[in-house]
N, C-alpha and C. Protein backbone atom coordinates (compact mmCIF):
# COMPACT_ATOMS: atom_id res chain seq x y z
N UNK A 1 28.45 120.17 97.29
CA UNK A 1 29.00 120.90 96.16
C UNK A 1 28.85 122.39 96.44
N UNK A 2 29.92 123.12 96.21
CA UNK A 2 29.90 124.57 96.38
C UNK A 2 30.30 125.21 95.06
N UNK A 3 29.45 126.07 94.54
CA UNK A 3 29.72 126.76 93.29
C UNK A 3 30.08 128.21 93.61
N UNK A 4 31.21 128.65 93.07
CA UNK A 4 31.66 130.03 93.30
C UNK A 4 31.97 130.69 91.97
N UNK A 5 31.38 131.87 91.76
CA UNK A 5 31.70 132.61 90.55
C UNK A 5 32.96 133.44 90.79
N UNK A 6 33.33 134.25 89.81
CA UNK A 6 34.58 135.03 89.91
C UNK A 6 34.54 136.02 91.07
N UNK A 7 33.37 136.54 91.42
CA UNK A 7 33.28 137.49 92.52
C UNK A 7 33.44 136.79 93.87
N UNK A 8 32.85 135.61 94.00
CA UNK A 8 33.04 134.83 95.22
C UNK A 8 34.51 134.49 95.41
N UNK A 9 35.17 134.14 94.34
CA UNK A 9 36.59 133.79 94.41
C UNK A 9 37.43 135.02 94.77
N UNK A 10 37.09 136.18 94.22
CA UNK A 10 37.82 137.41 94.53
C UNK A 10 37.65 137.78 96.01
N UNK A 11 36.43 137.67 96.52
CA UNK A 11 36.18 137.96 97.93
C UNK A 11 37.02 137.04 98.80
N UNK A 12 37.09 135.78 98.45
CA UNK A 12 37.89 134.81 99.20
C UNK A 12 39.38 135.17 99.14
N UNK A 13 39.88 135.53 97.96
CA UNK A 13 41.29 135.89 97.80
C UNK A 13 41.66 137.12 98.62
N UNK A 14 40.74 138.08 98.70
CA UNK A 14 41.01 139.32 99.42
C UNK A 14 40.81 139.17 100.92
N UNK A 15 40.32 138.03 101.34
CA UNK A 15 40.12 137.80 102.76
C UNK A 15 38.92 138.52 103.33
N UNK A 16 37.93 138.79 102.49
CA UNK A 16 36.76 139.55 102.93
C UNK A 16 35.59 138.66 103.30
N UNK A 17 35.75 137.36 103.22
CA UNK A 17 34.62 136.49 103.53
C UNK A 17 34.33 136.51 105.02
N UNK A 18 33.05 136.37 105.34
CA UNK A 18 32.61 136.38 106.74
C UNK A 18 32.77 134.99 107.30
N UNK A 19 33.25 134.91 108.52
CA UNK A 19 33.41 133.61 109.12
C UNK A 19 33.41 133.67 110.62
N UNK A 20 33.03 132.60 111.25
CA UNK A 20 33.09 132.46 112.69
C UNK A 20 32.33 133.49 113.48
N UNK A 21 32.13 133.19 114.74
CA UNK A 21 31.43 134.12 115.62
C UNK A 21 32.37 134.71 116.66
N UNK A 22 33.67 134.47 116.50
CA UNK A 22 34.66 134.98 117.43
C UNK A 22 34.73 136.50 117.30
N UNK A 23 34.75 137.19 118.44
CA UNK A 23 34.82 138.65 118.42
C UNK A 23 36.21 139.09 117.98
N UNK A 24 36.24 139.97 117.02
CA UNK A 24 37.49 140.47 116.47
C UNK A 24 37.78 141.83 117.09
N UNK A 25 38.95 142.01 117.70
CA UNK A 25 39.29 143.26 118.36
C UNK A 25 40.15 144.18 117.50
N UNK A 26 40.50 143.73 116.31
CA UNK A 26 41.31 144.55 115.42
C UNK A 26 40.66 144.64 114.05
N UNK A 27 40.94 145.73 113.37
CA UNK A 27 40.51 145.90 111.98
C UNK A 27 41.79 146.05 111.18
N UNK A 28 41.99 145.11 110.24
CA UNK A 28 43.19 145.13 109.41
C UNK A 28 42.80 145.38 107.96
N UNK A 29 43.74 145.92 107.20
CA UNK A 29 43.49 146.21 105.79
C UNK A 29 43.33 144.89 105.03
N UNK A 30 42.19 144.70 104.36
CA UNK A 30 41.98 143.47 103.61
C UNK A 30 42.77 143.43 102.31
N UNK A 31 43.32 144.58 101.91
CA UNK A 31 44.09 144.70 100.67
C UNK A 31 44.95 145.95 100.76
N UNK A 32 45.99 146.06 99.96
CA UNK A 32 46.77 147.30 99.96
C UNK A 32 45.93 148.44 99.41
N UNK A 33 46.11 149.64 99.92
CA UNK A 33 45.34 150.77 99.42
C UNK A 33 45.68 152.07 100.11
N UNK A 34 44.84 153.06 99.85
CA UNK A 34 45.01 154.42 100.37
C UNK A 34 43.86 154.71 101.32
N UNK A 35 44.18 155.19 102.52
CA UNK A 35 43.14 155.55 103.49
C UNK A 35 42.56 156.90 103.06
N UNK A 36 41.31 156.87 102.58
CA UNK A 36 40.67 158.11 102.13
C UNK A 36 40.08 158.90 103.29
N UNK A 37 39.51 158.19 104.26
CA UNK A 37 38.88 158.90 105.37
C UNK A 37 38.76 157.97 106.58
N UNK A 38 38.98 158.51 107.75
CA UNK A 38 38.77 157.78 109.00
C UNK A 38 37.50 158.36 109.61
N UNK A 39 36.50 157.52 109.82
CA UNK A 39 35.18 158.00 110.23
C UNK A 39 34.92 157.89 111.74
N UNK A 40 35.87 157.35 112.49
CA UNK A 40 35.70 157.18 113.94
C UNK A 40 36.91 157.73 114.67
N UNK A 41 36.75 157.87 115.98
CA UNK A 41 37.85 158.34 116.81
C UNK A 41 37.90 157.51 118.08
N UNK A 42 39.04 157.49 118.78
CA UNK A 42 39.14 156.69 120.01
C UNK A 42 38.06 157.07 121.01
N UNK A 43 37.49 156.05 121.64
CA UNK A 43 36.44 156.27 122.64
C UNK A 43 35.04 156.25 122.07
N UNK A 44 34.93 156.27 120.75
CA UNK A 44 33.62 156.30 120.11
C UNK A 44 32.97 154.91 120.18
N UNK A 45 31.68 154.89 120.51
CA UNK A 45 30.92 153.64 120.55
C UNK A 45 30.39 153.37 119.14
N UNK A 46 30.61 152.14 118.66
CA UNK A 46 30.12 151.76 117.34
C UNK A 46 29.26 150.50 117.46
N UNK A 47 28.36 150.36 116.53
CA UNK A 47 27.51 149.19 116.47
C UNK A 47 27.84 148.39 115.22
N UNK A 48 27.48 147.13 115.23
CA UNK A 48 27.73 146.26 114.09
C UNK A 48 27.16 146.91 112.83
N UNK A 49 28.01 147.00 111.80
CA UNK A 49 27.60 147.58 110.53
C UNK A 49 27.94 149.05 110.37
N UNK A 50 28.37 149.73 111.44
CA UNK A 50 28.76 151.14 111.33
C UNK A 50 30.03 151.26 110.49
N UNK A 51 30.09 152.29 109.66
CA UNK A 51 31.28 152.54 108.84
C UNK A 51 32.41 153.04 109.73
N UNK A 52 33.61 152.46 109.57
CA UNK A 52 34.78 152.84 110.36
C UNK A 52 35.75 153.70 109.57
N UNK A 53 36.02 153.28 108.34
CA UNK A 53 36.93 154.05 107.49
C UNK A 53 36.72 153.68 106.03
N UNK A 54 37.26 154.50 105.17
CA UNK A 54 37.16 154.27 103.72
C UNK A 54 38.55 154.03 103.17
N UNK A 55 38.71 152.90 102.50
CA UNK A 55 39.98 152.50 101.92
C UNK A 55 39.82 152.42 100.41
N UNK A 56 40.67 153.12 99.68
CA UNK A 56 40.63 153.06 98.22
C UNK A 56 41.63 152.02 97.75
N UNK A 57 41.13 151.07 96.96
CA UNK A 57 41.98 150.03 96.40
C UNK A 57 41.48 149.70 95.01
N UNK A 58 42.37 149.55 94.09
CA UNK A 58 42.04 149.23 92.71
C UNK A 58 41.00 150.21 92.15
N UNK A 59 41.17 151.50 92.47
CA UNK A 59 40.31 152.59 92.01
C UNK A 59 38.86 152.44 92.48
N UNK A 60 38.67 151.71 93.58
CA UNK A 60 37.34 151.57 94.16
C UNK A 60 37.40 151.97 95.62
N UNK A 61 36.33 152.63 96.09
CA UNK A 61 36.25 152.99 97.50
C UNK A 61 35.60 151.84 98.26
N UNK A 62 36.27 151.36 99.29
CA UNK A 62 35.77 150.25 100.11
C UNK A 62 35.53 150.77 101.51
N UNK A 63 34.28 150.67 101.96
CA UNK A 63 33.93 151.10 103.31
C UNK A 63 34.11 149.91 104.24
N UNK A 64 35.02 150.04 105.20
CA UNK A 64 35.23 148.98 106.19
C UNK A 64 34.28 149.24 107.35
N UNK A 65 33.50 148.23 107.70
CA UNK A 65 32.45 148.37 108.72
C UNK A 65 32.77 147.52 109.94
N UNK A 66 32.18 147.91 111.06
CA UNK A 66 32.33 147.17 112.31
C UNK A 66 31.63 145.82 112.18
N UNK A 67 32.30 144.76 112.59
CA UNK A 67 31.73 143.42 112.53
C UNK A 67 30.96 143.08 113.80
N UNK A 68 31.10 143.92 114.83
CA UNK A 68 30.36 143.72 116.08
C UNK A 68 30.28 145.05 116.82
N UNK A 69 29.45 145.09 117.84
CA UNK A 69 29.35 146.29 118.69
C UNK A 69 30.63 146.43 119.51
N UNK A 70 30.99 147.67 119.84
CA UNK A 70 32.17 147.88 120.66
C UNK A 70 32.54 149.35 120.77
N UNK A 71 33.71 149.58 121.34
CA UNK A 71 34.24 150.93 121.52
C UNK A 71 35.60 150.98 120.82
N UNK A 72 35.83 152.05 120.07
CA UNK A 72 37.11 152.21 119.38
C UNK A 72 38.17 152.51 120.42
N UNK A 73 39.19 151.66 120.48
CA UNK A 73 40.28 151.82 121.46
C UNK A 73 41.36 152.73 120.89
N UNK A 74 41.90 152.38 119.73
CA UNK A 74 42.92 153.20 119.08
C UNK A 74 42.68 153.23 117.58
N UNK A 75 43.09 154.33 116.96
CA UNK A 75 43.02 154.47 115.50
C UNK A 75 44.44 154.61 115.01
N UNK A 76 44.88 153.64 114.22
CA UNK A 76 46.25 153.67 113.70
C UNK A 76 46.30 154.18 112.26
N UNK A 77 45.16 154.12 111.58
CA UNK A 77 45.10 154.58 110.19
C UNK A 77 45.16 156.10 110.15
N UNK A 78 45.90 156.61 109.20
CA UNK A 78 46.04 158.06 109.03
C UNK A 78 45.50 158.42 107.66
N UNK A 79 44.57 159.39 107.64
CA UNK A 79 43.98 159.83 106.38
C UNK A 79 45.08 160.24 105.41
N UNK A 80 45.00 159.71 104.18
CA UNK A 80 45.97 160.04 103.15
C UNK A 80 47.17 159.11 103.08
N UNK A 81 47.28 158.19 104.04
CA UNK A 81 48.43 157.27 104.03
C UNK A 81 48.10 156.00 103.25
N UNK A 82 49.15 155.35 102.76
CA UNK A 82 48.97 154.07 102.10
C UNK A 82 49.23 152.96 103.10
N UNK A 83 48.51 151.85 102.92
CA UNK A 83 48.66 150.71 103.83
C UNK A 83 48.84 149.44 103.02
N UNK A 84 49.54 148.50 103.60
CA UNK A 84 49.72 147.19 102.99
C UNK A 84 48.62 146.25 103.46
N UNK A 85 48.43 145.17 102.75
CA UNK A 85 47.46 144.16 103.16
C UNK A 85 47.85 143.65 104.54
N UNK A 86 46.86 143.57 105.43
CA UNK A 86 47.10 143.08 106.78
C UNK A 86 47.56 144.14 107.77
N UNK A 87 47.72 145.38 107.32
CA UNK A 87 48.16 146.46 108.22
C UNK A 87 47.07 146.73 109.26
N UNK A 88 47.46 146.95 110.49
CA UNK A 88 46.51 147.26 111.57
C UNK A 88 45.98 148.67 111.39
N UNK A 89 44.66 148.79 111.30
CA UNK A 89 44.03 150.09 111.08
C UNK A 89 43.36 150.62 112.36
N UNK A 90 42.66 149.73 113.08
CA UNK A 90 41.93 150.12 114.29
C UNK A 90 42.00 149.00 115.31
N UNK A 91 41.89 149.38 116.58
CA UNK A 91 41.74 148.41 117.65
C UNK A 91 40.45 148.73 118.38
N UNK A 92 39.70 147.68 118.74
CA UNK A 92 38.43 147.83 119.42
C UNK A 92 38.49 147.23 120.82
N UNK A 93 37.59 147.68 121.69
CA UNK A 93 37.47 147.11 123.04
C UNK A 93 36.18 146.32 123.10
């Protein structure tokens, strides 16, 4: 039996739930929003949990963090731009 409250269900709907141990080489927008700030640049080494960028959605600031250690390959997100759900924001090596 799995019990989920409204917040667990919202996390699942937004695609923010953690899963699998497969290394992810891309960071995509979990929801439509506005890119408030890009905190990394290409070539920068990041560790698991480091903040990558800030996305504003539903009047809340959401800090997107690295899910694993790596190096930022490309940054596609542009500060001040709007993005759709699933839009490619960063690529990692």
